[in-house]
PDB file of N, CA and C in Angstrom:
ATOM      1  N   UNK A   1      98.074  80.676 116.211  1.00  0.00           N
ATOM      2  CA  UNK A   1      98.625  79.358 116.451  1.00  0.00           C
ATOM      3  C   UNK A   1      99.936  79.236 115.739  1.00  0.00           C
ATOM      4  N   UNK A   2     100.955  78.880 116.432  1.00  0.00           N
ATOM      5  CA  UNK A   2     102.270  78.764 115.819  1.00  0.00           C
ATOM      6  C   UNK A   2     102.692  77.312 115.655  1.00  0.00           C
ATOM      7  N   UNK A   3     103.547  77.043 114.688  1.00  0.00           N
ATOM      8  CA  UNK A   3     104.066  75.713 114.486  1.00  0.00           C
ATOM      9  C   UNK A   3     103.258  74.888 113.485  1.00  0.00           C
ATOM     10  N   UNK A   4     102.281  75.468 112.818  1.00  0.00           N
ATOM     11  CA  UNK A   4     101.467  74.730 111.873  1.00  0.00           C
ATOM     12  C   UNK A   4     101.552  75.363 110.486  1.00  0.00           C
ATOM     13  N   UNK A   5     102.399  76.330 110.282  1.00  0.00           N
ATOM     14  CA  UNK A   5     102.556  76.994 108.962  1.00  0.00           C
ATOM     15  C   UNK A   5     101.443  77.988 108.694  1.00  0.00           C
ATOM     16  N   UNK A   6     100.862  78.556 109.731  1.00  0.00           N
ATOM     17  CA  UNK A   6      99.735  79.468 109.541  1.00  0.00           C
ATOM     18  C   UNK A   6     100.161  80.719 108.772  1.00  0.00           C
ATOM     19  N   UNK A   7     101.317  81.264 109.107  1.00  0.00           N
ATOM     20  CA  UNK A   7     101.737  82.510 108.394  1.00  0.00           C
ATOM     21  C   UNK A   7     101.947  82.248 106.896  1.00  0.00           C
ATOM     22  N   UNK A   8     102.527  81.055 106.569  1.00  0.00           N
ATOM     23  CA  UNK A   8     102.754  80.747 105.171  1.00  0.00           C
ATOM     24  C   UNK A   8     101.419  80.494 104.436  1.00  0.00           C
ATOM     25  N   UNK A   9     100.483  79.842 105.143  1.00  0.00           N
ATOM     26  CA  UNK A   9      99.144  79.638 104.608  1.00  0.00           C
ATOM     27  C   UNK A   9      98.491  80.975 104.352  1.00  0.00           C
ATOM     28  N   UNK A  10      98.545  81.900 105.317  1.00  0.00           N
ATOM     29  CA  UNK A  10      97.908  83.209 105.169  1.00  0.00           C
ATOM     30  C   UNK A  10      98.545  83.974 103.997  1.00  0.00           C
ATOM     31  N   UNK A  11      99.848  83.911 103.873  1.00  0.00           N
ATOM     32  CA  UNK A  11     100.500  84.646 102.778  1.00  0.00           C
ATOM     33  C   UNK A  11     100.107  84.065 101.431  1.00  0.00           C
ATOM     34  N   UNK A  12     100.082  82.736 101.350  1.00  0.00           N
ATOM     35  CA  UNK A  12      99.692  82.085 100.072  1.00  0.00           C
ATOM     36  C   UNK A  12      98.257  82.477  99.676  1.00  0.00           C
ATOM     37  N   UNK A  13      97.345  82.477 100.644  1.00  0.00           N
ATOM     38  CA  UNK A  13      95.973  82.851 100.336  1.00  0.00           C
ATOM     39  C   UNK A  13      95.862  84.349  99.965  1.00  0.00           C
ATOM     40  N   UNK A  14      96.587  85.192 100.630  1.00  0.00           N
ATOM     41  CA  UNK A  14      96.553  86.612 100.364  1.00  0.00           C
ATOM     42  C   UNK A  14      97.069  86.896  98.945  1.00  0.00           C
ATOM     43  N   UNK A  15      98.181  86.251  98.578  1.00  0.00           N
ATOM     44  CA  UNK A  15      98.734  86.462  97.232  1.00  0.00           C
ATOM     45  C   UNK A  15      97.786  85.926  96.201  1.00  0.00           C
ATOM     46  N   UNK A  16      97.194  84.771  96.459  1.00  0.00           N
ATOM     47  CA  UNK A  16      96.229  84.196  95.509  1.00  0.00           C
ATOM     48  C   UNK A  16      95.039  85.142  95.276  1.00  0.00           C
ATOM     49  N   UNK A  17      94.624  85.852  96.337  1.00  0.00           N
ATOM     50  CA  UNK A  17      93.497  86.768  96.271  1.00  0.00           C
ATOM     51  C   UNK A  17      93.853  88.164  95.830  1.00  0.00           C
ATOM     52  N   UNK A  18      95.184  88.450  95.614  1.00  0.00           N
ATOM     53  CA  UNK A  18      95.595  89.740  95.172  1.00  0.00           C
ATOM     54  C   UNK A  18      95.603  90.790  96.303  1.00  0.00           C
ATOM     55  N   UNK A  19      95.781  90.358  97.519  1.00  0.00           N
ATOM     56  CA  UNK A  19      95.813  91.264  98.696  1.00  0.00           C
ATOM     57  C   UNK A  19      97.230  91.693  98.993  1.00  0.00           C
ATOM     58  N   UNK A  20      97.332  92.860  99.637  1.00  0.00           N
ATOM     59  CA  UNK A  20      98.641  93.316 100.154  1.00  0.00           C
ATOM     60  C   UNK A  20      98.562  93.332 101.667  1.00  0.00           C
ATOM     61  N   UNK A  21      99.688  93.360 102.322  1.00  0.00           N
ATOM     62  CA  UNK A  21      99.673  93.452 103.766  1.00  0.00           C
ATOM     63  C   UNK A  21     100.778  92.594 104.416  1.00  0.00           C
ATOM     64  N   UNK A  22     100.519  92.074 105.586  1.00  0.00           N
ATOM     65  CA  UNK A  22     101.471  91.276 106.276  1.00  0.00           C
ATOM     66  C   UNK A  22     100.793  90.330 107.300  1.00  0.00           C
ATOM     67  N   UNK A  23     101.575  89.377 107.761  1.00  0.00           N
ATOM     68  CA  UNK A  23     101.140  88.432 108.798  1.00  0.00           C
ATOM     69  C   UNK A  23     102.329  88.174 109.705  1.00  0.00           C
ATOM     70  N   UNK A  24     102.072  88.025 111.007  1.00  0.00           N
ATOM     71  CA  UNK A  24     103.145  87.775 111.941  1.00  0.00           C
ATOM     72  C   UNK A  24     102.668  87.031 113.165  1.00  0.00           C
ATOM     73  N   UNK A  25     103.562  86.319 113.818  1.00  0.00           N
ATOM     74  CA  UNK A  25     103.273  85.645 115.103  1.00  0.00           C
ATOM     75  C   UNK A  25     103.383  86.655 116.213  1.00  0.00           C
ATOM     76  N   UNK A  26     102.540  86.505 117.218  1.00  0.00           N
ATOM     77  CA  UNK A  26     102.629  87.280 118.433  1.00  0.00           C
ATOM     78  C   UNK A  26     103.199  86.438 119.540  1.00  0.00           C
ATOM     79  N   UNK A  27     103.859  87.030 120.532  1.00  0.00           N
ATOM     80  CA  UNK A  27     104.529  86.231 121.599  1.00  0.00           C
ATOM     81  C   UNK A  27     103.586  85.298 122.341  1.00  0.00           C
ATOM     82  N   UNK A  28     102.316  85.612 122.413  1.00  0.00           N
ATOM     83  CA  UNK A  28     101.376  84.728 123.163  1.00  0.00           C
ATOM     84  C   UNK A  28     100.802  83.607 122.303  1.00  0.00           C
ATOM     85  N   UNK A  29     101.327  83.412 121.072  1.00  0.00           N
ATOM     86  CA  UNK A  29     100.874  82.311 120.251  1.00  0.00           C
ATOM     87  C   UNK A  29      99.809  82.673 119.205  1.00  0.00           C
ATOM     88  N   UNK A  30      99.257  83.849 119.301  1.00  0.00           N
ATOM     89  CA  UNK A  30      98.275  84.288 118.306  1.00  0.00           C
ATOM     90  C   UNK A  30      98.978  84.707 117.032  1.00  0.00           C
ATOM     91  N   UNK A  31      98.245  84.846 115.998  1.00  0.00           N
ATOM     92  CA  UNK A  31      98.758  85.340 114.723  1.00  0.00           C
ATOM     93  C   UNK A  31      97.972  86.598 114.370  1.00  0.00           C
ATOM     94  N   UNK A  32      98.681  87.605 113.925  1.00  0.00           N
ATOM     95  CA  UNK A  32      98.089  88.915 113.565  1.00  0.00           C
ATOM     96  C   UNK A  32      98.368  89.173 112.083  1.00  0.00           C
ATOM     97  N   UNK A  33      97.351  89.704 111.391  1.00  0.00           N
ATOM     98  CA  UNK A  33      97.537  90.000 109.967  1.00  0.00           C
ATOM     99  C   UNK A  33      96.828  91.329 109.613  1.00  0.00           C
ATOM    100  N   UNK A  34      97.402  91.964 108.650  1.00  0.00           N
ATOM    101  CA  UNK A  34      96.835  93.158 108.064  1.00  0.00           C
ATOM    102  C   UNK A  34      96.678  92.891 106.603  1.00  0.00           C
ATOM    103  N   UNK A  35      95.463  93.113 106.048  1.00  0.00           N
ATOM    104  CA  UNK A  35      95.207  92.835 104.624  1.00  0.00           C
ATOM    105  C   UNK A  35      94.510  94.048 104.048  1.00  0.00           C
ATOM    106  N   UNK A  36      94.937  94.391 102.828  1.00  0.00           N
ATOM    107  CA  UNK A  36      94.381  95.498 102.094  1.00  0.00           C
ATOM    108  C   UNK A  36      93.992  94.995 100.696  1.00  0.00           C
ATOM    109  N   UNK A  37      92.765  95.319 100.300  1.00  0.00           N
ATOM    110  CA  UNK A  37      92.312  94.887  98.971  1.00  0.00           C
ATOM    111  C   UNK A  37      90.850  95.037  98.783  1.00  0.00           C
ATOM    112  N   UNK A  38      90.329  94.433  97.707  1.00  0.00           N
ATOM    113  CA  UNK A  38      88.905  94.547  97.359  1.00  0.00           C
ATOM    114  C   UNK A  38      88.048  93.792  98.393  1.00  0.00           C
ATOM    115  N   UNK A  39      86.855  94.275  98.629  1.00  0.00           N
ATOM    116  CA  UNK A  39      85.965  93.744  99.617  1.00  0.00           C
ATOM    117  C   UNK A  39      85.740  92.208  99.493  1.00  0.00           C
ATOM    118  N   UNK A  40      85.457  91.726  98.268  1.00  0.00           N
ATOM    119  CA  UNK A  40      85.196  90.330  98.088  1.00  0.00           C
ATOM    120  C   UNK A  40      86.443  89.492  98.410  1.00  0.00           C
ATOM    121  N   UNK A  41      87.589  89.987  98.016  1.00  0.00           N
ATOM    122  CA  UNK A  41      88.837  89.261  98.300  1.00  0.00           C
ATOM    123  C   UNK A  41      89.110  89.236  99.794  1.00  0.00           C
ATOM    124  N   UNK A  42      88.798  90.335 100.517  1.00  0.00           N
ATOM    125  CA  UNK A  42      89.002  90.345 101.947  1.00  0.00           C
ATOM    126  C   UNK A  42      88.076  89.376 102.645  1.00  0.00           C
ATOM    127  N   UNK A  43      86.848  89.229 102.122  1.00  0.00           N
ATOM    128  CA  UNK A  43      85.886  88.283 102.663  1.00  0.00           C
ATOM    129  C   UNK A  43      86.394  86.844 102.502  1.00  0.00           C
ATOM    130  N   UNK A  44      86.945  86.575 101.321  1.00  0.00           N
ATOM    131  CA  UNK A  44      87.481  85.260 101.069  1.00  0.00           C
ATOM    132  C   UNK A  44      88.716  84.964 101.947  1.00  0.00           C
ATOM    133  N   UNK A  45      89.531  85.991 102.168  1.00  0.00           N
ATOM    134  CA  UNK A  45      90.699  85.858 103.055  1.00  0.00           C
ATOM    135  C   UNK A  45      90.235  85.565 104.476  1.00  0.00           C
ATOM    136  N   UNK A  46      89.225  86.255 104.930  1.00  0.00           N
ATOM    137  CA  UNK A  46      88.700  85.981 106.293  1.00  0.00           C
ATOM    138  C   UNK A  46      88.208  84.539 106.405  1.00  0.00           C
ATOM    139  N   UNK A  47      87.510  84.078 105.395  1.00  0.00           N
ATOM    140  CA  UNK A  47      87.035  82.691 105.404  1.00  0.00           C
ATOM    141  C   UNK A  47      88.196  81.691 105.429  1.00  0.00           C
ATOM    142  N   UNK A  48      89.257  81.991 104.673  1.00  0.00           N
ATOM    143  CA  UNK A  48      90.446  81.142 104.655  1.00  0.00           C
ATOM    144  C   UNK A  48      91.089  81.132 106.031  1.00  0.00           C
ATOM    145  N   UNK A  49      91.201  82.259 106.683  1.00  0.00           N
ATOM    146  CA  UNK A  49      91.839  82.359 108.000  1.00  0.00           C
ATOM    147  C   UNK A  49      91.002  81.589 109.001  1.00  0.00           C
ATOM    148  N   UNK A  50      89.674  81.643 108.926  1.00  0.00           N
ATOM    149  CA  UNK A  50      88.832  80.830 109.790  1.00  0.00           C
ATOM    150  C   UNK A  50      89.020  79.354 109.619  1.00  0.00           C
ATOM    151  N   UNK A  51      89.332  78.931 108.426  1.00  0.00           N
ATOM    152  CA  UNK A  51      89.579  77.512 108.105  1.00  0.00           C
ATOM    153  C   UNK A  51      90.986  77.133 108.527  1.00  0.00           C
ATOM    154  N   UNK A  52      91.993  77.958 108.131  1.00  0.00           N
ATOM    155  CA  UNK A  52      93.372  77.704 108.445  1.00  0.00           C
ATOM    156  C   UNK A  52      93.982  76.543 107.677  1.00  0.00           C
ATOM    157  N   UNK A  53      95.265  76.306 107.844  1.00  0.00           N
ATOM    158  CA  UNK A  53      95.912  75.168 107.189  1.00  0.00           C
ATOM    159  C   UNK A  53      95.453  73.863 107.828  1.00  0.00           C
ATOM    160  N   UNK A  54      95.764  72.767 107.192  1.00  0.00           N
ATOM    161  CA  UNK A  54      95.223  71.470 107.619  1.00  0.00           C
ATOM    162  C   UNK A  54      95.591  71.113 109.086  1.00  0.00           C
ATOM    163  N   UNK A  55      96.742  71.495 109.568  1.00  0.00           N
ATOM    164  CA  UNK A  55      97.154  71.147 110.933  1.00  0.00           C
ATOM    165  C   UNK A  55      96.735  72.149 111.996  1.00  0.00           C
ATOM    166  N   UNK A  56      96.088  73.191 111.575  1.00  0.00           N
ATOM    167  CA  UNK A  56      95.708  74.229 112.526  1.00  0.00           C
ATOM    168  C   UNK A  56      94.358  73.959 113.180  1.00  0.00           C
ATOM    169  N   UNK A  57      94.218  74.505 114.350  1.00  0.00           N
ATOM    170  CA  UNK A  57      92.917  74.502 115.036  1.00  0.00           C
ATOM    171  C   UNK A  57      92.625  75.996 115.347  1.00  0.00           C
ATOM    172  N   UNK A  58      91.840  76.582 114.479  1.00  0.00           N
ATOM    173  CA  UNK A  58      91.511  78.004 114.616  1.00  0.00           C
ATOM    174  C   UNK A  58      90.412  78.161 115.653  1.00  0.00           C
ATOM    175  N   UNK A  59      90.701  78.943 116.696  1.00  0.00           N
ATOM    176  CA  UNK A  59      89.734  79.166 117.740  1.00  0.00           C
ATOM    177  C   UNK A  59      88.751  80.270 117.350  1.00  0.00           C
ATOM    178  N   UNK A  60      89.306  81.372 116.855  1.00  0.00           N
ATOM    179  CA  UNK A  60      88.473  82.454 116.382  1.00  0.00           C
ATOM    180  C   UNK A  60      89.325  83.398 115.541  1.00  0.00           C
ATOM    181  N   UNK A  61      88.627  84.157 114.711  1.00  0.00           N
ATOM    182  CA  UNK A  61      89.250  85.222 113.928  1.00  0.00           C
ATOM    183  C   UNK A  61      88.520  86.495 114.292  1.00  0.00           C
ATOM    184  N   UNK A  62      89.283  87.469 114.699  1.00  0.00           N
ATOM    185  CA  UNK A  62      88.684  88.764 115.059  1.00  0.00           C
ATOM    186  C   UNK A  62      89.000  89.740 113.956  1.00  0.00           C
ATOM    187  N   UNK A  63      87.990  90.376 113.418  1.00  0.00           N
ATOM    188  CA  UNK A  63      88.153  91.266 112.282  1.00  0.00           C
ATOM    189  C   UNK A  63      87.968  92.731 112.768  1.00  0.00           C
ATOM    190  N   UNK A  64      88.943  93.512 112.452  1.00  0.00           N
ATOM    191  CA  UNK A  64      88.880  94.940 112.756  1.00  0.00           C
ATOM    192  C   UNK A  64      89.001  95.670 111.425  1.00  0.00           C
ATOM    193  N   UNK A  65      88.071  96.564 111.200  1.00  0.00           N
ATOM    194  CA  UNK A  65      88.130  97.358 109.975  1.00  0.00           C
ATOM    195  C   UNK A  65      88.719  98.720 110.265  1.00  0.00           C
ATOM    196  N   UNK A  66      89.450  99.234 109.303  1.00  0.00           N
ATOM    197  CA  UNK A  66      90.051 100.515 109.482  1.00  0.00           C
ATOM    198  C   UNK A  66      89.996 101.287 108.168  1.00  0.00           C
ATOM    199  N   UNK A  67      89.658 102.552 108.231  1.00  0.00           N
ATOM    200  CA  UNK A  67      89.680 103.382 107.036  1.00  0.00           C
ATOM    201  C   UNK A  67      90.923 104.273 107.082  1.00  0.00           C
ATOM    202  N   UNK A  68      91.777 104.094 108.061  1.00  0.00           N
ATOM    203  CA  UNK A  68      92.988 104.877 108.154  1.00  0.00           C
ATOM    204  C   UNK A  68      93.878 104.583 106.974  1.00  0.00           C
ATOM    205  N   UNK A  69      94.516 105.587 106.466  1.00  0.00           N
ATOM    206  CA  UNK A  69      95.505 105.451 105.435  1.00  0.00           C
ATOM    207  C   UNK A  69      96.829 105.082 106.079  1.00  0.00           C
ATOM    208  N   UNK A  70      97.065 103.821 106.260  1.00  0.00           N
ATOM    209  CA  UNK A  70      98.329 103.349 106.821  1.00  0.00           C
ATOM    210  C   UNK A  70      99.356 103.434 105.711  1.00  0.00           C
ATOM    211  N   UNK A  71     100.553 102.997 106.013  1.00  0.00           N
ATOM    212  CA  UNK A  71     101.569 102.907 104.976  1.00  0.00           C
ATOM    213  C   UNK A  71     101.087 101.774 104.037  1.00  0.00           C
ATOM    214  N   UNK A  72     100.289 102.132 103.048  1.00  0.00           N
ATOM    215  CA  UNK A  72      99.660 101.132 102.200  1.00  0.00           C
ATOM    216  C   UNK A  72     100.688 100.181 101.584  1.00  0.00           C
ATOM    217  N   UNK A  73     100.615  98.899 102.012  1.00  0.00           N
ATOM    218  CA  UNK A  73     101.543  97.924 101.477  1.00  0.00           C
ATOM    219  C   UNK A  73     101.259  97.637 100.036  1.00  0.00           C
ATOM    220  N   UNK A  74     102.229  97.195  99.284  1.00  0.00           N
ATOM    221  CA  UNK A  74     102.061  96.850  97.895  1.00  0.00           C
ATOM    222  C   UNK A  74     102.223  95.395  97.633  1.00  0.00           C
ATOM    223  N   UNK A  75     102.621  94.632  98.668  1.00  0.00           N
ATOM    224  CA  UNK A  75     102.771  93.154  98.524  1.00  0.00           C
ATOM    225  C   UNK A  75     102.357  92.547  99.862  1.00  0.00           C
ATOM    226  N   UNK A  76     102.407  91.229  99.954  1.00  0.00           N
ATOM    227  CA  UNK A  76     102.030  90.578 101.223  1.00  0.00           C
ATOM    228  C   UNK A  76     103.242  89.878 101.749  1.00  0.00           C
ATOM    229  N   UNK A  77     103.612  90.169 102.999  1.00  0.00           N
ATOM    230  CA  UNK A  77     104.856  89.596 103.556  1.00  0.00           C
ATOM    231  C   UNK A  77     104.643  88.934 104.883  1.00  0.00           C
ATOM    232  N   UNK A  78     105.548  88.066 105.194  1.00  0.00           N
ATOM    233  CA  UNK A  78     105.597  87.410 106.520  1.00  0.00           C
ATOM    234  C   UNK A  78     106.568  88.217 107.360  1.00  0.00           C
ATOM    235  N   UNK A  79     106.122  88.663 108.530  1.00  0.00           N
ATOM    236  CA  UNK A  79     107.016  89.449 109.375  1.00  0.00           C
ATOM    237  C   UNK A  79     107.530  88.562 110.537  1.00  0.00           C
TER     238      UNK A  79
END
């Protein structure tokens, strides 16, 4: 969902939880994020994304797990 500050909300939550990764808007209005960190922090991040910022209406959050060694990010950024 774009226009409600979702990316900034996601970044703030990720930084608060000590996660690395990124968040970005997709052309169709969805938001995509990649988060790397401890299991409990990732669970809290998922819960925050399901809630979203106050003006958001979150329809669903789809979680994909990966064990691939991506270019492991060291901070969390908005793309």
